[in-house]
Amino acid sequence: MGKISAEAKQQYFDRVKEYKAEVEQMIAWEKNVLQAVNKQAEGAAYKRLNLAEERLNLASRYLLLNRISLALLGVKNEAFLNDSRKSCYQSIIYLEEVTSDLIDAPFSEYEDRLEQIERYGVDKRYALIRKLGFTIDSVEESFGENSKWKWSFVELEGRFATVTKNMLNLKTLVAGLDPRANYYEERYGHLNLAKQLLQRAADRYRERYELSTLRLDDFKLAIEYLQALRRIQMLVGESDQAETVKKRIEVWKQKMDADDRRESSSKTKSKTPSTQTKSS
């Protein structure tokens, strides 16, 4: 990369000044809303939904600032990209606070949370989830394939899958899948997206286990996401698909148990002191 001219630097600073001011205003707004949430519990869930969406807007600003850096300076701005990644995480955290972070659990364990956002319609939920997914994809794409954050995105994608599933009202879901029902297309789209993301989260955690961490925790999470997928498939009457996933879960558990035994055996052998036969 050649030396950046003073003119290019000045042009860059002039362009980003306005957007940085917007970022500061958005962060200040978030702080004010959080203060209101801490003071008054009523309506807190709806405020957190607004905070989750505003964090995605903030992430988009950081991505724009990075694009300006690329266009005018010819360099990727890792700081802006990292801020956009953190904003995606914070958006998910707000959604987890609203709906829970439970992966594979009966709906009854978090049903009361969804009752608090009953007026937040099916169409709005689907739109917010799609916006979150688009923003995460944009951040990953901006970092690039060989980013040091490559495997950390597995967690981000997994938590995204979880809140996508938990935003669905499973109590009314089946009845709402009647094509004559209001917001049928949005509900159907949200359901399919949740299933796709749960499957992807399982595959990605399995991939991270095999290619990076070799941690059984990753394998366990992969299986848990498959179990969550199967739970939904059973709920909506997809018995054949649920049976296929069940068999896959069994195979994965066998593989995990075998790896666990091999690892335990290897550790035991490494701790056993070697003995030497002494000549008499």
Protein backbone atom coordinates (compact mmCIF):
# COMPACT_ATOMS: atom_id res chain seq x y z
CA MET A 1 0.00 0.00 0.00
CA GLY A 2 1.34 3.40 -0.95
CA LYS A 3 1.66 6.37 1.33
CA ILE A 4 -1.63 8.13 2.07
CA SER A 5 -1.57 11.74 0.97
CA ALA A 6 -2.40 14.62 3.29
CA GLU A 7 -5.24 15.56 0.95
CA ALA A 8 -6.78 12.09 1.20
CA LYS A 9 -6.50 12.16 4.97
CA GLN A 10 -8.20 15.55 5.16
CA GLN A 11 -10.97 14.42 2.86
CA TYR A 12 -11.44 11.34 5.03
CA PHE A 13 -11.63 13.33 8.26
CA ASP A 14 -14.14 15.73 6.72
CA ARG A 15 -16.37 12.84 5.56
CA VAL A 16 -16.36 10.88 8.83
CA LYS A 17 -16.90 13.89 11.08
CA GLU A 18 -20.65 13.99 10.51
CA TYR A 19 -21.10 10.26 10.96
CA LYS A 20 -19.03 10.20 14.13
CA ALA A 21 -21.31 12.90 15.53
CA GLU A 22 -24.31 10.70 14.71
CA VAL A 23 -22.67 7.78 16.49
CA GLU A 24 -22.16 9.89 19.61
CA GLN A 25 -25.80 10.97 19.54
CA MET A 26 -26.99 7.39 19.20
CA ILE A 27 -24.86 6.23 22.12
CA ALA A 28 -26.14 9.11 24.24
CA TRP A 29 -29.74 8.17 23.35
CA GLU A 30 -29.06 4.57 24.38
CA LYS A 31 -27.76 5.68 27.77
CA ASN A 32 -30.85 7.78 28.39
CA VAL A 33 -33.17 4.91 27.48
CA LEU A 34 -31.26 2.51 29.74
CA GLN A 35 -31.64 4.93 32.62
CA ALA A 36 -35.40 4.97 32.00
CA VAL A 37 -35.46 1.17 31.87
CA ASN A 38 -33.65 0.93 35.20
CA LYS A 39 -36.03 3.39 36.84
CA GLN A 40 -39.30 1.95 35.54
CA ALA A 41 -40.01 -1.74 34.87
CA GLU A 42 -43.26 -1.09 33.00
CA GLY A 43 -42.66 -1.18 29.26
CA ALA A 44 -39.02 -2.19 29.76
CA ALA A 45 -39.28 -5.07 27.30
CA TYR A 46 -40.50 -2.80 24.51
CA LYS A 47 -37.73 -0.33 25.24
CA ARG A 48 -35.17 -3.12 24.96
CA LEU A 49 -36.58 -4.07 21.58
CA ASN A 50 -36.06 -0.48 20.48
CA LEU A 51 -32.54 -0.58 21.89
CA ALA A 52 -31.84 -3.79 19.98
CA GLU A 53 -32.89 -2.19 16.70
CA GLU A 54 -30.99 1.02 17.38
CA ARG A 55 -27.84 -1.01 18.02
CA LEU A 56 -28.20 -2.42 14.53
CA ASN A 57 -28.45 1.12 13.17
CA LEU A 58 -25.29 1.92 15.10
CA ALA A 59 -23.55 -1.12 13.62
CA SER A 60 -24.52 0.11 10.16
CA ARG A 61 -22.91 3.49 10.89
CA TYR A 62 -19.68 1.79 11.88
CA LEU A 63 -19.76 -0.27 8.69
CA LEU A 64 -20.29 2.90 6.69
CA LEU A 65 -17.30 4.51 8.39
CA ASN A 66 -15.20 1.51 7.42
CA ARG A 67 -16.35 1.78 3.81
CA ILE A 68 -15.32 5.44 3.78
CA SER A 69 -11.90 4.43 5.07
CA LEU A 70 -11.58 1.88 2.29
CA ALA A 71 -12.71 4.34 -0.37
CA LEU A 72 -10.59 7.33 0.64
CA LEU A 73 -7.60 5.78 2.41
CA GLY A 74 -7.53 2.33 0.87
CA VAL A 75 -7.34 0.63 4.27
CA LYS A 76 -9.76 -1.41 6.33
CA ASN A 77 -10.54 0.19 9.69
CA GLU A 78 -10.47 -2.67 12.19
CA ALA A 79 -11.64 -0.42 15.04
CA PHE A 80 -14.88 0.47 13.24
CA LEU A 81 -15.44 -3.15 12.27
CA ASN A 82 -14.90 -4.29 15.84
CA ASP A 83 -17.36 -1.67 17.08
CA SER A 84 -19.93 -2.95 14.58
CA ARG A 85 -19.34 -6.51 15.79
CA LYS A 86 -19.82 -5.42 19.40
CA SER A 87 -23.02 -3.61 18.44
CA CYS A 88 -24.43 -6.82 16.97
CA TYR A 89 -23.60 -8.59 20.22
CA GLN A 90 -25.28 -5.87 22.25
CA SER A 91 -28.38 -6.05 20.07
CA ILE A 92 -28.59 -9.77 20.77
CA ILE A 93 -28.05 -9.19 24.49
CA TYR A 94 -31.06 -6.86 24.57
CA LEU A 95 -33.15 -9.50 22.79
CA GLU A 96 -31.94 -12.18 25.20
CA GLU A 97 -33.02 -9.96 28.09
CA VAL A 98 -36.47 -9.82 26.53
CA THR A 99 -36.95 -13.43 25.39
CA SER A 100 -34.26 -15.43 27.28
CA ASP A 101 -31.12 -17.16 26.03
CA LEU A 102 -32.53 -20.69 26.39
CA ILE A 103 -31.56 -22.90 23.47
CA ASP A 104 -33.44 -26.17 23.95
CA ALA A 105 -36.21 -25.64 26.48
CA PRO A 106 -39.98 -26.04 26.74
CA PHE A 107 -41.86 -22.91 25.68
CA SER A 108 -43.40 -22.75 29.16
CA GLU A 109 -40.00 -21.78 30.57
CA TYR A 110 -39.98 -18.44 28.73
CA GLU A 111 -43.61 -17.96 27.71
CA ASP A 112 -44.14 -15.26 30.33
CA ARG A 113 -41.42 -13.16 28.71
CA LEU A 114 -43.19 -13.13 25.36
CA GLU A 115 -46.41 -12.09 27.06
CA GLN A 116 -44.64 -8.83 27.94
CA ILE A 117 -44.20 -8.01 24.23
CA GLU A 118 -47.58 -9.25 23.05
CA ARG A 119 -48.26 -5.97 21.21
CA TYR A 120 -45.01 -6.28 19.25
CA GLY A 121 -46.52 -7.87 16.17
CA VAL A 122 -45.42 -10.88 14.14
CA ASP A 123 -44.43 -8.62 11.25
CA LYS A 124 -42.25 -6.43 13.47
CA ARG A 125 -40.52 -9.41 15.04
CA TYR A 126 -39.71 -10.90 11.66
CA ALA A 127 -38.46 -7.57 10.34
CA LEU A 128 -36.20 -7.06 13.36
CA ILE A 129 -34.78 -10.58 13.13
CA ARG A 130 -34.08 -10.19 9.41
CA LYS A 131 -32.37 -6.86 10.06
CA LEU A 132 -30.20 -8.50 12.70
CA GLY A 133 -29.24 -11.30 10.34
CA PHE A 134 -28.43 -8.91 7.51
CA THR A 135 -26.24 -6.80 9.80
CA ILE A 136 -24.32 -9.81 11.14
CA ASP A 137 -23.72 -11.03 7.58
CA SER A 138 -22.50 -7.56 6.59
CA VAL A 139 -20.07 -7.43 9.50
CA GLU A 140 -18.68 -10.90 8.75
CA GLU A 141 -18.30 -10.03 5.08
CA SER A 142 -16.50 -6.79 5.94
CA PHE A 143 -14.03 -8.58 8.19
CA GLY A 144 -13.25 -11.10 5.47
CA GLU A 145 -12.70 -14.85 5.40
CA ASN A 146 -9.30 -14.84 7.13
CA SER A 147 -10.27 -12.58 10.01
CA LYS A 148 -9.02 -13.37 13.51
CA TRP A 149 -12.69 -13.23 14.56
CA LYS A 150 -13.67 -16.08 12.23
CA TRP A 151 -14.45 -18.61 14.93
CA SER A 152 -15.89 -16.07 17.38
CA PHE A 153 -18.68 -15.45 14.89
CA VAL A 154 -19.88 -18.99 15.58
CA GLU A 155 -21.08 -17.82 19.00
CA LEU A 156 -22.67 -14.70 17.52
CA GLU A 157 -24.52 -16.77 14.92
CA GLY A 158 -25.60 -19.27 17.55
CA ARG A 159 -27.02 -16.63 19.85
CA PHE A 160 -28.75 -15.08 16.85
CA ALA A 161 -30.38 -18.44 16.12
CA THR A 162 -31.50 -18.68 19.74
CA VAL A 163 -33.23 -15.30 19.91
CA THR A 164 -34.78 -15.89 16.49
CA LYS A 165 -36.38 -19.06 17.83
CA ASN A 166 -37.33 -17.44 21.13
CA MET A 167 -39.10 -14.54 19.40
CA LEU A 168 -41.63 -17.04 18.04
CA ASN A 169 -44.79 -17.52 20.07
CA LEU A 170 -44.87 -21.32 20.00
CA LYS A 171 -48.24 -21.37 21.75
CA THR A 172 -50.01 -19.73 18.80
CA LEU A 173 -47.59 -20.76 16.05
CA VAL A 174 -49.39 -23.81 14.66
CA ALA A 175 -52.76 -22.09 14.42
CA GLY A 176 -51.06 -19.10 12.78
CA LEU A 177 -49.66 -21.31 10.01
CA ASP A 178 -53.08 -21.35 8.38
CA PRO A 179 -52.61 -19.43 5.09
CA ARG A 180 -55.78 -17.48 5.92
CA ALA A 181 -54.32 -16.17 9.18
CA ASN A 182 -53.11 -12.58 9.47
CA TYR A 183 -49.37 -12.25 8.90
CA TYR A 184 -49.14 -15.85 7.71
CA GLU A 185 -46.24 -15.10 5.35
CA GLU A 186 -44.22 -13.32 8.03
CA ARG A 187 -44.89 -16.07 10.57
CA TYR A 188 -44.03 -18.80 8.07
CA GLY A 189 -40.88 -16.95 7.02
CA HIS A 190 -39.83 -16.45 10.64
CA LEU A 191 -40.35 -20.15 11.38
CA ASN A 192 -38.30 -21.28 8.39
CA LEU A 193 -35.55 -18.82 9.23
CA ALA A 194 -35.42 -20.11 12.82
CA LYS A 195 -35.06 -23.71 11.60
CA GLN A 196 -32.35 -22.77 9.11
CA LEU A 197 -30.40 -20.85 11.75
CA LEU A 198 -30.64 -23.63 14.33
CA GLN A 199 -29.31 -26.11 11.79
CA ARG A 200 -26.52 -23.73 10.79
CA ALA A 201 -25.59 -23.08 14.43
CA ALA A 202 -25.31 -26.82 15.03
CA ASP A 203 -23.12 -27.30 11.96
CA ARG A 204 -20.93 -24.31 12.79
CA TYR A 205 -20.31 -25.37 16.39
CA ARG A 206 -19.46 -28.87 15.17
CA GLU A 207 -17.11 -27.32 12.61
CA ARG A 208 -15.42 -25.15 15.24
CA TYR A 209 -14.98 -28.20 17.45
CA GLU A 210 -13.40 -30.24 14.65
CA LEU A 211 -11.21 -27.54 13.10
CA SER A 212 -10.34 -25.20 15.95
CA THR A 213 -11.09 -25.76 19.62
CA LEU A 214 -11.53 -29.53 20.14
CA ARG A 215 -13.57 -28.47 23.19
CA LEU A 216 -16.44 -30.77 24.09
CA ASP A 217 -18.45 -27.71 25.14
CA ASP A 218 -18.66 -26.76 21.46
CA PHE A 219 -19.81 -30.25 20.52
CA LYS A 220 -22.43 -30.19 23.29
CA LEU A 221 -23.77 -26.87 22.00
CA ALA A 222 -23.91 -28.28 18.48
CA ILE A 223 -26.10 -31.12 19.76
CA GLU A 224 -28.23 -28.74 21.81
CA TYR A 225 -29.03 -26.70 18.70
CA LEU A 226 -30.06 -29.87 16.90
CA GLN A 227 -32.32 -30.74 19.82
CA ALA A 228 -33.90 -27.28 19.65
CA LEU A 229 -34.49 -27.77 15.93
CA ARG A 230 -36.11 -31.16 16.54
CA ARG A 231 -38.38 -29.68 19.22
CA ILE A 232 -39.77 -27.17 16.71
CA GLN A 233 -40.11 -29.80 13.98
CA MET A 234 -42.16 -31.97 16.30
CA LEU A 235 -44.33 -29.00 17.26
CA VAL A 236 -45.25 -28.18 13.66
CA GLY A 237 -45.78 -31.82 12.68
CA GLU A 238 -42.62 -32.39 10.64
CA SER A 239 -42.24 -35.95 11.95
CA ASP A 240 -39.99 -37.23 9.16
CA GLN A 241 -37.57 -34.32 9.49
CA ALA A 242 -37.62 -34.68 13.28
CA GLU A 243 -36.74 -38.36 12.98
CA THR A 244 -33.83 -37.54 10.68
CA VAL A 245 -32.51 -34.98 13.16
CA LYS A 246 -32.98 -37.46 16.02
CA LYS A 247 -30.75 -39.98 14.24
CA ARG A 248 -28.17 -37.28 13.62
CA ILE A 249 -28.21 -36.34 17.31
CA GLU A 250 -27.58 -39.98 18.25
CA VAL A 251 -24.64 -40.23 15.85
CA TRP A 252 -23.16 -36.97 17.14
CA LYS A 253 -23.54 -38.08 20.76
CA GLN A 254 -21.75 -41.33 19.99
CA LYS A 255 -18.93 -39.40 18.34
CA MET A 256 -18.70 -36.98 21.25
CA ASP A 257 -18.63 -39.78 23.83
CA ALA A 258 -15.94 -41.61 21.86
CA ASP A 259 -13.82 -38.45 21.66
CA ASP A 260 -14.33 -37.85 25.36
CA ARG A 261 -13.18 -41.38 26.25
CA ARG A 262 -10.16 -41.10 23.97
CA GLU A 263 -9.20 -37.75 25.49
CA SER A 264 -9.61 -39.07 29.03
CA SER A 265 -7.52 -42.13 28.19
CA SER A 266 -4.81 -39.96 26.66
CA LYS A 267 -4.64 -37.76 29.76
CA THR A 268 -4.47 -40.79 32.03
CA LYS A 269 -1.58 -42.26 30.08
CA SER A 270 0.33 -38.98 30.10
CA LYS A 271 0.03 -38.78 33.90
CA THR A 272 1.17 -42.37 34.50
CA PRO A 273 4.91 -42.39 35.36
CA SER A 274 7.08 -44.65 33.28
CA THR A 275 8.68 -47.58 35.07
CA GLN A 276 12.03 -49.10 34.39
CA THR A 277 13.04 -52.66 35.21
CA LYS A 278 16.07 -52.73 37.45
CA SER A 279 18.62 -55.46 36.89
CA SER A 280 19.33 -57.61 39.95
